[in-house]
N, C-alpha and C. Protein backbone atom coordinates (compact mmCIF):
# COMPACT_ATOMS: atom_id res chain seq x y z
N UNK A 1 0.89 -1.22 0.19
CA UNK A 1 -0.17 -0.36 0.05
C UNK A 1 0.69 1.10 -0.09
N UNK A 2 0.48 1.97 -0.65
CA UNK A 2 1.28 3.36 -1.06
C UNK A 2 0.94 4.45 0.30
N UNK A 3 2.15 5.06 0.58
CA UNK A 3 1.68 5.87 1.74
C UNK A 3 1.62 7.79 0.45
N UNK A 4 1.05 8.34 1.07
CA UNK A 4 0.90 9.65 0.63
C UNK A 4 1.80 10.43 -0.05
N UNK A 5 3.17 10.26 0.99
CA UNK A 5 4.39 10.70 0.61
C UNK A 5 5.51 10.21 -0.34
N UNK A 6 4.85 8.71 -0.84
CA UNK A 6 5.81 8.10 -1.70
C UNK A 6 5.73 8.65 -3.03
N UNK A 7 6.77 8.96 -3.84
CA UNK A 7 7.03 9.58 -4.99
C UNK A 7 7.45 8.51 -5.71
N UNK A 8 6.33 8.37 -7.28
CA UNK A 8 6.37 7.62 -7.95
C UNK A 8 7.34 7.31 -8.44
N UNK A 9 8.27 8.23 -8.67
CA UNK A 9 9.64 7.66 -9.00
C UNK A 9 10.70 6.02 -8.22
N UNK A 10 10.23 6.33 -6.90
CA UNK A 10 10.69 5.63 -5.70
C UNK A 10 10.12 4.16 -5.59
N UNK A 11 8.70 4.41 -6.26
CA UNK A 11 7.96 3.40 -5.91
C UNK A 11 8.28 2.48 -7.15
N UNK A 12 7.91 2.88 -8.51
CA UNK A 12 8.64 2.43 -9.72
C UNK A 12 10.01 1.68 -9.35
N UNK A 13 11.15 2.25 -8.93
CA UNK A 13 12.05 1.85 -8.69
C UNK A 13 12.10 0.70 -8.00
N UNK A 14 11.37 0.76 -6.47
CA UNK A 14 11.12 -0.54 -6.09
C UNK A 14 10.15 -1.64 -6.58
N UNK A 15 9.20 -1.45 -7.41
CA UNK A 15 8.60 -2.27 -8.19
C UNK A 15 9.90 -3.20 -9.38
N UNK A 16 10.69 -2.48 -9.76
CA UNK A 16 11.45 -3.09 -10.76
C UNK A 16 12.56 -3.63 -9.99
N UNK A 17 13.09 -3.55 -9.01
CA UNK A 17 13.88 -4.22 -8.35
C UNK A 17 13.00 -5.50 -7.61
N UNK A 18 11.84 -5.10 -7.22
CA UNK A 18 11.50 -7.04 -6.78
C UNK A 18 11.54 -7.64 -7.91
N UNK A 19 11.17 -7.45 -9.08
CA UNK A 19 10.91 -7.92 -10.61
C UNK A 19 12.51 -8.20 -10.92
N UNK A 20 14.00 -7.37 -10.70
CA UNK A 20 14.90 -7.90 -10.94
C UNK A 20 15.22 -8.96 -9.81
N UNK A 21 15.15 -9.34 -8.25
CA UNK A 21 15.72 -9.72 -7.86
C UNK A 21 14.77 -11.74 -7.52
N UNK A 22 14.27 -11.82 -8.61
CA UNK A 22 13.67 -12.78 -9.06
C UNK A 22 12.05 -12.82 -8.58
N UNK A 23 11.25 -11.27 -7.94
CA UNK A 23 9.80 -11.72 -8.12
C UNK A 23 9.85 -11.52 -9.51
N UNK A 24 8.03 -12.42 -9.19
CA UNK A 24 7.06 -12.83 -10.83
C UNK A 24 6.00 -11.36 -10.71
N UNK A 25 5.95 -10.43 -9.54
CA UNK A 25 4.68 -9.98 -9.33
C UNK A 25 4.77 -9.19 -8.20
N UNK A 26 4.59 -7.73 -8.31
CA UNK A 26 4.90 -6.95 -7.59
C UNK A 26 3.32 -5.98 -7.43
N UNK A 27 2.96 -5.07 -6.64
CA UNK A 27 1.50 -4.35 -6.49
C UNK A 27 1.75 -3.44 -6.10
N UNK A 28 1.52 -2.59 -6.60
CA UNK A 28 1.31 -0.84 -6.12
C UNK A 28 -0.06 -0.33 -6.03
N UNK A 29 -0.83 -0.47 -4.56
CA UNK A 29 -2.04 -0.39 -4.26
C UNK A 29 -1.19 1.49 -3.77
N UNK A 30 -2.78 2.39 -4.97
CA UNK A 30 -2.59 3.65 -4.43
C UNK A 30 -4.15 3.99 -4.41
N UNK A 31 -4.21 4.19 -2.80
CA UNK A 31 -5.62 4.45 -2.11
C UNK A 31 -6.20 5.85 -2.90
N UNK A 32 -5.44 6.83 -3.14
CA UNK A 32 -6.11 7.97 -3.61
C UNK A 32 -6.90 8.25 -5.01
N UNK A 33 -6.55 7.21 -5.72
CA UNK A 33 -6.67 7.19 -6.87
C UNK A 33 -7.74 6.09 -7.20
N UNK A 34 -7.39 4.84 -6.40
CA UNK A 34 -8.13 3.87 -5.79
C UNK A 34 -7.92 2.88 -6.97
N UNK A 35 -6.49 2.34 -7.75
CA UNK A 35 -5.64 1.81 -8.93
C UNK A 35 -5.14 1.05 -7.87
N UNK A 36 -4.86 -0.47 -8.63
CA UNK A 36 -3.60 -1.31 -8.59
C UNK A 36 -2.64 -1.31 -9.40
N UNK A 37 -1.71 -0.92 -9.51
CA UNK A 37 -0.75 -1.06 -10.83
C UNK A 37 0.04 -2.59 -10.11
N UNK A 38 0.52 -3.15 -11.19
CA UNK A 38 0.25 -4.79 -11.77
C UNK A 38 1.73 -4.53 -12.25
N UNK A 39 2.92 -4.34 -11.49
CA UNK A 39 4.08 -4.99 -12.53
C UNK A 39 5.11 -6.59 -12.57
N UNK A 40 4.92 -7.01 -13.72
CA UNK A 40 5.38 -7.94 -14.02
C UNK A 40 6.77 -7.89 -15.02
N UNK A 41 7.07 -9.59 -15.31
CA UNK A 41 7.96 -9.23 -16.38
C UNK A 41 7.39 -8.73 -17.97
N UNK A 42 5.66 -9.04 -17.83
CA UNK A 42 5.21 -9.21 -19.36
C UNK A 42 4.81 -7.35 -19.44
N UNK A 43 5.00 -6.61 -18.56
CA UNK A 43 5.27 -4.81 -18.11
C UNK A 43 3.81 -4.72 -16.92
N UNK A 44 3.46 -3.52 -16.87
CA UNK A 44 2.67 -3.18 -15.94
C UNK A 44 1.63 -3.04 -16.46
N UNK A 45 0.40 -2.89 -15.75
CA UNK A 45 -1.16 -3.58 -15.97
C UNK A 45 -1.78 -2.47 -14.62
N UNK A 46 -2.49 -1.61 -15.12
CA UNK A 46 -2.83 -1.00 -14.14
C UNK A 46 -5.23 -1.38 -13.79
N UNK A 47 -5.30 -1.51 -13.01
CA UNK A 47 -6.45 -2.06 -12.17
C UNK A 47 -7.68 -0.80 -11.99
N UNK A 48 -8.70 -0.76 -12.37
CA UNK A 48 -9.33 0.18 -11.29
C UNK A 48 -10.74 -0.18 -10.62
N UNK A 49 -11.30 0.49 -9.68
CA UNK A 49 -12.46 0.02 -8.78
C UNK A 49 -13.42 -0.84 -10.42
N UNK A 50 -13.91 -1.36 -10.52
CA UNK A 50 -15.07 -2.02 -11.48
C UNK A 50 -14.33 -2.98 -12.50
N UNK A 51 -13.37 -3.44 -11.98
CA UNK A 51 -12.40 -4.48 -12.79
C UNK A 51 -12.13 -5.66 -12.10
N UNK A 52 -11.62 -6.30 -12.16
CA UNK A 52 -11.29 -7.82 -11.61
C UNK A 52 -9.96 -8.06 -11.83
N UNK A 53 -8.81 -7.74 -10.78
CA UNK A 53 -7.59 -8.23 -11.55
C UNK A 53 -7.15 -9.81 -11.28
N UNK A 54 -6.17 -9.89 -12.28
CA UNK A 54 -6.25 -11.08 -12.98
C UNK A 54 -5.13 -10.69 -13.39
N UNK A 55 -4.12 -11.51 -13.20
CA UNK A 55 -2.09 -11.94 -13.89
C UNK A 55 -2.20 -13.22 -14.40
N UNK A 56 -1.52 -13.58 -15.70
CA UNK A 56 -0.98 -14.71 -16.25
C UNK A 56 0.33 -15.24 -15.24
N UNK A 57 0.52 -14.62 -14.85
CA UNK A 57 2.03 -15.01 -14.00
C UNK A 57 1.39 -15.72 -12.72
N UNK A 58 0.66 -15.31 -12.06
CA UNK A 58 0.01 -15.86 -10.74
C UNK A 58 -1.65 -16.18 -11.09
N UNK A 59 -2.12 -17.31 -11.67
CA UNK A 59 -3.40 -16.84 -12.06
C UNK A 59 -4.49 -17.35 -11.09
N UNK A 60 -3.93 -18.00 -9.59
CA UNK A 60 -4.78 -18.47 -8.75
C UNK A 60 -4.72 -16.77 -7.69
N UNK A 61 -4.30 -15.62 -8.05
CA UNK A 61 -4.74 -14.35 -7.68
C UNK A 61 -5.28 -13.75 -8.52
N UNK A 62 -7.23 -13.55 -8.51
CA UNK A 62 -7.95 -12.53 -8.59
C UNK A 62 -8.70 -12.22 -7.63
N UNK A 63 -9.39 -11.13 -7.97
CA UNK A 63 -10.24 -9.87 -6.99
C UNK A 63 -10.69 -9.34 -7.76
N UNK A 64 -11.73 -8.22 -7.06
CA UNK A 64 -12.48 -7.32 -7.28
C UNK A 64 -11.17 -6.17 -7.03
N UNK A 65 -10.81 -5.26 -7.66
CA UNK A 65 -10.52 -3.80 -7.18
C UNK A 65 -11.15 -3.14 -6.28
N UNK A 66 -12.51 -3.07 -6.16
CA UNK A 66 -13.19 -2.04 -5.53
C UNK A 66 -13.10 -2.91 -4.24
N UNK A 67 -12.82 -4.22 -3.83
CA UNK A 67 -13.02 -5.07 -2.52
C UNK A 67 -11.52 -4.33 -1.52
N UNK A 68 -10.84 -4.01 -2.17
CA UNK A 68 -9.66 -3.26 -1.80
C UNK A 68 -9.76 -2.02 -1.12
N UNK A 69 -10.29 -1.44 -1.35
CA UNK A 69 -11.08 -0.25 -0.75
C UNK A 69 -11.89 0.40 -0.29
N UNK A 70 -12.74 -0.89 -0.01
CA UNK A 70 -13.82 -0.93 0.38
C UNK A 70 -14.05 -0.37 1.82
N UNK A 71 -12.88 -0.94 2.74
CA UNK A 71 -12.76 -0.05 4.18
C UNK A 71 -11.98 1.37 4.38
N UNK A 72 -11.66 1.88 3.25
CA UNK A 72 -11.31 3.24 3.25
C UNK A 72 -12.10 4.34 3.26
């Protein structure tokens, strides 16, 4: 979950570092915009409220994006 003072350049560096060190998926949850940014070796995908998150690299992980932000 991103903090309000996180800079996008720092977040992107961190997500790419996770992938470089063997991760297959890194999620950047952005509460202010109600989006989930998914970084994988296939590239960046952005999921918004009303959409269902799914990623080929981790097919068992699916969820409604709106549910992530339901209690905010």
